[in-house]
Amino acid sequence: MTARRLRVLIQGLPPESATLTALRNAMPEEELDQQAEQGEPEKGRWSQSELLLASAIDALRRVEYVLICANSDSKAKRPSPPEPLPRPGAKPRKAKTELTENSANRLFELINGGAA
């Protein structure tokens, strides 16, 4: 068997196969991060069915959130939107920083020409 034929056979394996799982588990963290940035979740450590299940869970959580918001009092405090289920190879979302009074004043100055 030629090396090319072996490569074609390995590339044709399903993502959850033992061979591809072993190859992914042997990948350095930098390569996994690079693949996550390129948007290739199929090269992560989950099979396609697990990724689909996570997508279904995220959709169900969003529907539940919308249902709660639609049926709650408009003056009541709304719950925070649901976080997506963490995927392998994907970094968690960064927390948004709150705008402090000093930052707001500085931003106001910059917008109104105070930078000069």
C-alpha atoms as a PDB file:
ATOM      1  CA  MET A   1       0.000   0.000   0.000  1.00  0.00           C
ATOM      2  CA  THR A   2       1.339   3.400  -0.926  1.00  0.00           C
ATOM      3  CA  ALA A   3       1.554   6.307   1.487  1.00  0.00           C
ATOM      4  CA  ARG A   4      -0.939   8.219  -0.649  1.00  0.00           C
ATOM      5  CA  ARG A   5      -3.477   5.398  -0.465  1.00  0.00           C
ATOM      6  CA  LEU A   6      -3.055   5.193   3.334  1.00  0.00           C
ATOM      7  CA  ARG A   7      -3.588   8.958   3.653  1.00  0.00           C
ATOM      8  CA  VAL A   8      -6.761   8.784   1.543  1.00  0.00           C
ATOM      9  CA  LEU A   9      -8.108   5.921   3.660  1.00  0.00           C
ATOM     10  CA  ILE A  10      -7.395   7.759   6.915  1.00  0.00           C
ATOM     11  CA  GLN A  11      -8.973  10.981   5.625  1.00  0.00           C
ATOM     12  CA  GLY A  12     -12.095   9.024   4.679  1.00  0.00           C
ATOM     13  CA  LEU A  13     -12.651   7.713   8.195  1.00  0.00           C
ATOM     14  CA  PRO A  14     -15.567   9.121  10.206  1.00  0.00           C
ATOM     15  CA  PRO A  15     -14.576  11.784  12.775  1.00  0.00           C
ATOM     16  CA  GLU A  16     -15.471   9.535  15.717  1.00  0.00           C
ATOM     17  CA  SER A  17     -13.265   6.655  14.549  1.00  0.00           C
ATOM     18  CA  ALA A  18     -10.585   5.395  16.921  1.00  0.00           C
ATOM     19  CA  THR A  19      -7.809   6.323  14.467  1.00  0.00           C
ATOM     20  CA  LEU A  20      -8.885   9.937  13.994  1.00  0.00           C
ATOM     21  CA  THR A  21      -9.587  10.309  17.700  1.00  0.00           C
ATOM     22  CA  ALA A  22      -6.049   9.123  18.466  1.00  0.00           C
ATOM     23  CA  LEU A  23      -4.624  11.538  15.875  1.00  0.00           C
ATOM     24  CA  ARG A  24      -6.616  14.468  17.323  1.00  0.00           C
ATOM     25  CA  ASN A  25      -5.612  13.572  20.867  1.00  0.00           C
ATOM     26  CA  ALA A  26      -1.957  13.604  19.782  1.00  0.00           C
ATOM     27  CA  MET A  27      -2.289  17.107  18.262  1.00  0.00           C
ATOM     28  CA  PRO A  28      -0.451  19.900  20.054  1.00  0.00           C
ATOM     29  CA  GLU A  29      -2.639  22.519  21.742  1.00  0.00           C
ATOM     30  CA  GLU A  30      -1.443  25.222  19.318  1.00  0.00           C
ATOM     31  CA  GLU A  31      -2.710  23.268  16.313  1.00  0.00           C
ATOM     32  CA  LEU A  32      -6.088  22.693  17.995  1.00  0.00           C
ATOM     33  CA  ASP A  33      -6.305  26.451  18.721  1.00  0.00           C
ATOM     34  CA  GLN A  34      -5.444  27.223  15.090  1.00  0.00           C
ATOM     35  CA  GLN A  35      -8.149  24.871  13.826  1.00  0.00           C
ATOM     36  CA  ALA A  36     -10.649  26.411  16.249  1.00  0.00           C
ATOM     37  CA  GLU A  37      -9.835  29.870  14.862  1.00  0.00           C
ATOM     38  CA  GLN A  38     -10.315  28.623  11.301  1.00  0.00           C
ATOM     39  CA  GLY A  39     -13.797  27.403  12.172  1.00  0.00           C
ATOM     40  CA  GLU A  40     -13.319  23.670  11.661  1.00  0.00           C
ATOM     41  CA  PRO A  41     -15.141  22.091  14.619  1.00  0.00           C
ATOM     42  CA  GLU A  42     -15.116  18.719  12.901  1.00  0.00           C
ATOM     43  CA  LYS A  43     -11.408  18.546  13.704  1.00  0.00           C
ATOM     44  CA  GLY A  44     -12.094  18.980  17.414  1.00  0.00           C
ATOM     45  CA  ARG A  45     -12.459  16.126  19.873  1.00  0.00           C
ATOM     46  CA  TRP A  46     -16.198  15.559  19.393  1.00  0.00           C
ATOM     47  CA  SER A  47     -17.944  13.506  16.755  1.00  0.00           C
ATOM     48  CA  GLN A  48     -20.426  15.058  14.359  1.00  0.00           C
ATOM     49  CA  SER A  49     -23.357  13.628  16.316  1.00  0.00           C
ATOM     50  CA  GLU A  50     -22.083  15.214  19.537  1.00  0.00           C
ATOM     51  CA  LEU A  51     -21.739  18.587  17.803  1.00  0.00           C
ATOM     52  CA  LEU A  52     -25.283  18.280  16.449  1.00  0.00           C
ATOM     53  CA  LEU A  53     -26.570  17.391  19.905  1.00  0.00           C
ATOM     54  CA  ALA A  54     -24.815  20.440  21.384  1.00  0.00           C
ATOM     55  CA  SER A  55     -26.416  22.620  18.685  1.00  0.00           C
ATOM     56  CA  ALA A  56     -29.840  21.196  19.544  1.00  0.00           C
ATOM     57  CA  ILE A  57     -29.254  21.907  23.249  1.00  0.00           C
ATOM     58  CA  ASP A  58     -28.240  25.497  22.436  1.00  0.00           C
ATOM     59  CA  ALA A  59     -31.364  25.974  20.290  1.00  0.00           C
ATOM     60  CA  LEU A  60     -33.588  24.596  23.050  1.00  0.00           C
ATOM     61  CA  ARG A  61     -31.985  26.927  25.592  1.00  0.00           C
ATOM     62  CA  ARG A  62     -32.579  29.924  23.297  1.00  0.00           C
ATOM     63  CA  VAL A  63     -36.218  28.942  22.780  1.00  0.00           C
ATOM     64  CA  GLU A  64     -36.666  28.612  26.548  1.00  0.00           C
ATOM     65  CA  TYR A  65     -35.051  32.032  27.064  1.00  0.00           C
ATOM     66  CA  VAL A  66     -37.316  33.685  24.458  1.00  0.00           C
ATOM     67  CA  LEU A  67     -40.376  31.996  25.973  1.00  0.00           C
ATOM     68  CA  ILE A  68     -39.495  33.279  29.447  1.00  0.00           C
ATOM     69  CA  CYS A  69     -38.839  36.802  28.130  1.00  0.00           C
ATOM     70  CA  ALA A  70     -42.068  36.861  26.100  1.00  0.00           C
ATOM     71  CA  ASN A  71     -44.217  35.714  29.023  1.00  0.00           C
ATOM     72  CA  SER A  72     -42.626  37.729  31.810  1.00  0.00           C
ATOM     73  CA  ASP A  73     -43.680  41.163  32.999  1.00  0.00           C
ATOM     74  CA  SER A  74     -42.008  43.928  30.982  1.00  0.00           C
ATOM     75  CA  LYS A  75     -40.814  45.631  34.182  1.00  0.00           C
ATOM     76  CA  ALA A  76     -39.431  42.436  35.707  1.00  0.00           C
ATOM     77  CA  LYS A  77     -35.741  41.689  35.542  1.00  0.00           C
ATOM     78  CA  ARG A  78     -35.055  39.476  32.558  1.00  0.00           C
ATOM     79  CA  PRO A  79     -32.740  36.496  32.849  1.00  0.00           C
ATOM     80  CA  SER A  80     -29.378  36.646  31.133  1.00  0.00           C
ATOM     81  CA  PRO A  81     -29.214  34.997  27.697  1.00  0.00           C
ATOM     82  CA  PRO A  82     -28.059  31.372  27.761  1.00  0.00           C
ATOM     83  CA  GLU A  83     -24.415  30.595  27.199  1.00  0.00           C
ATOM     84  CA  PRO A  84     -23.709  28.137  24.389  1.00  0.00           C
ATOM     85  CA  LEU A  85     -22.515  24.701  25.381  1.00  0.00           C
ATOM     86  CA  PRO A  86     -18.695  24.729  25.350  1.00  0.00           C
ATOM     87  CA  ARG A  87     -17.251  22.998  22.283  1.00  0.00           C
ATOM     88  CA  PRO A  88     -13.814  21.419  22.073  1.00  0.00           C
ATOM     89  CA  GLY A  89     -11.287  23.614  20.348  1.00  0.00           C
ATOM     90  CA  ALA A  90     -13.418  26.728  20.883  1.00  0.00           C
ATOM     91  CA  LYS A  91     -12.416  29.284  23.448  1.00  0.00           C
ATOM     92  CA  PRO A  92     -15.058  30.502  25.923  1.00  0.00           C
ATOM     93  CA  ARG A  93     -16.538  33.919  25.297  1.00  0.00           C
ATOM     94  CA  LYS A  94     -14.790  36.807  26.950  1.00  0.00           C
ATOM     95  CA  ALA A  95     -16.743  38.626  29.607  1.00  0.00           C
ATOM     96  CA  LYS A  96     -17.790  42.118  28.558  1.00  0.00           C
ATOM     97  CA  THR A  97     -16.181  44.842  30.601  1.00  0.00           C
ATOM     98  CA  GLU A  98     -18.515  47.387  32.089  1.00  0.00           C
ATOM     99  CA  LEU A  99     -18.078  51.044  31.264  1.00  0.00           C
ATOM    100  CA  THR A 100     -16.949  52.923  34.372  1.00  0.00           C
ATOM    101  CA  GLU A 101     -17.668  56.572  35.028  1.00  0.00           C
ATOM    102  CA  ASN A 102     -14.053  57.564  34.264  1.00  0.00           C
ATOM    103  CA  SER A 103     -14.075  55.580  31.026  1.00  0.00           C
ATOM    104  CA  ALA A 104     -17.402  57.105  30.013  1.00  0.00           C
ATOM    105  CA  ASN A 105     -16.081  60.619  30.641  1.00  0.00           C
ATOM    106  CA  ARG A 106     -12.877  59.901  28.698  1.00  0.00           C
ATOM    107  CA  LEU A 107     -14.882  58.471  25.800  1.00  0.00           C
ATOM    108  CA  PHE A 108     -17.146  61.535  25.822  1.00  0.00           C
ATOM    109  CA  GLU A 109     -14.074  63.795  25.678  1.00  0.00           C
ATOM    110  CA  LEU A 110     -12.583  61.822  22.778  1.00  0.00           C
ATOM    111  CA  ILE A 111     -15.827  61.911  20.822  1.00  0.00           C
ATOM    112  CA  ASN A 112     -16.190  65.657  21.308  1.00  0.00           C
ATOM    113  CA  GLY A 113     -12.658  66.476  20.149  1.00  0.00           C
ATOM    114  CA  GLY A 114     -10.935  66.399  23.529  1.00  0.00           C
ATOM    115  CA  ALA A 115      -8.049  64.253  22.276  1.00  0.00           C
ATOM    116  CA  ALA A 116      -6.193  67.165  20.698  1.00  0.00           C
END
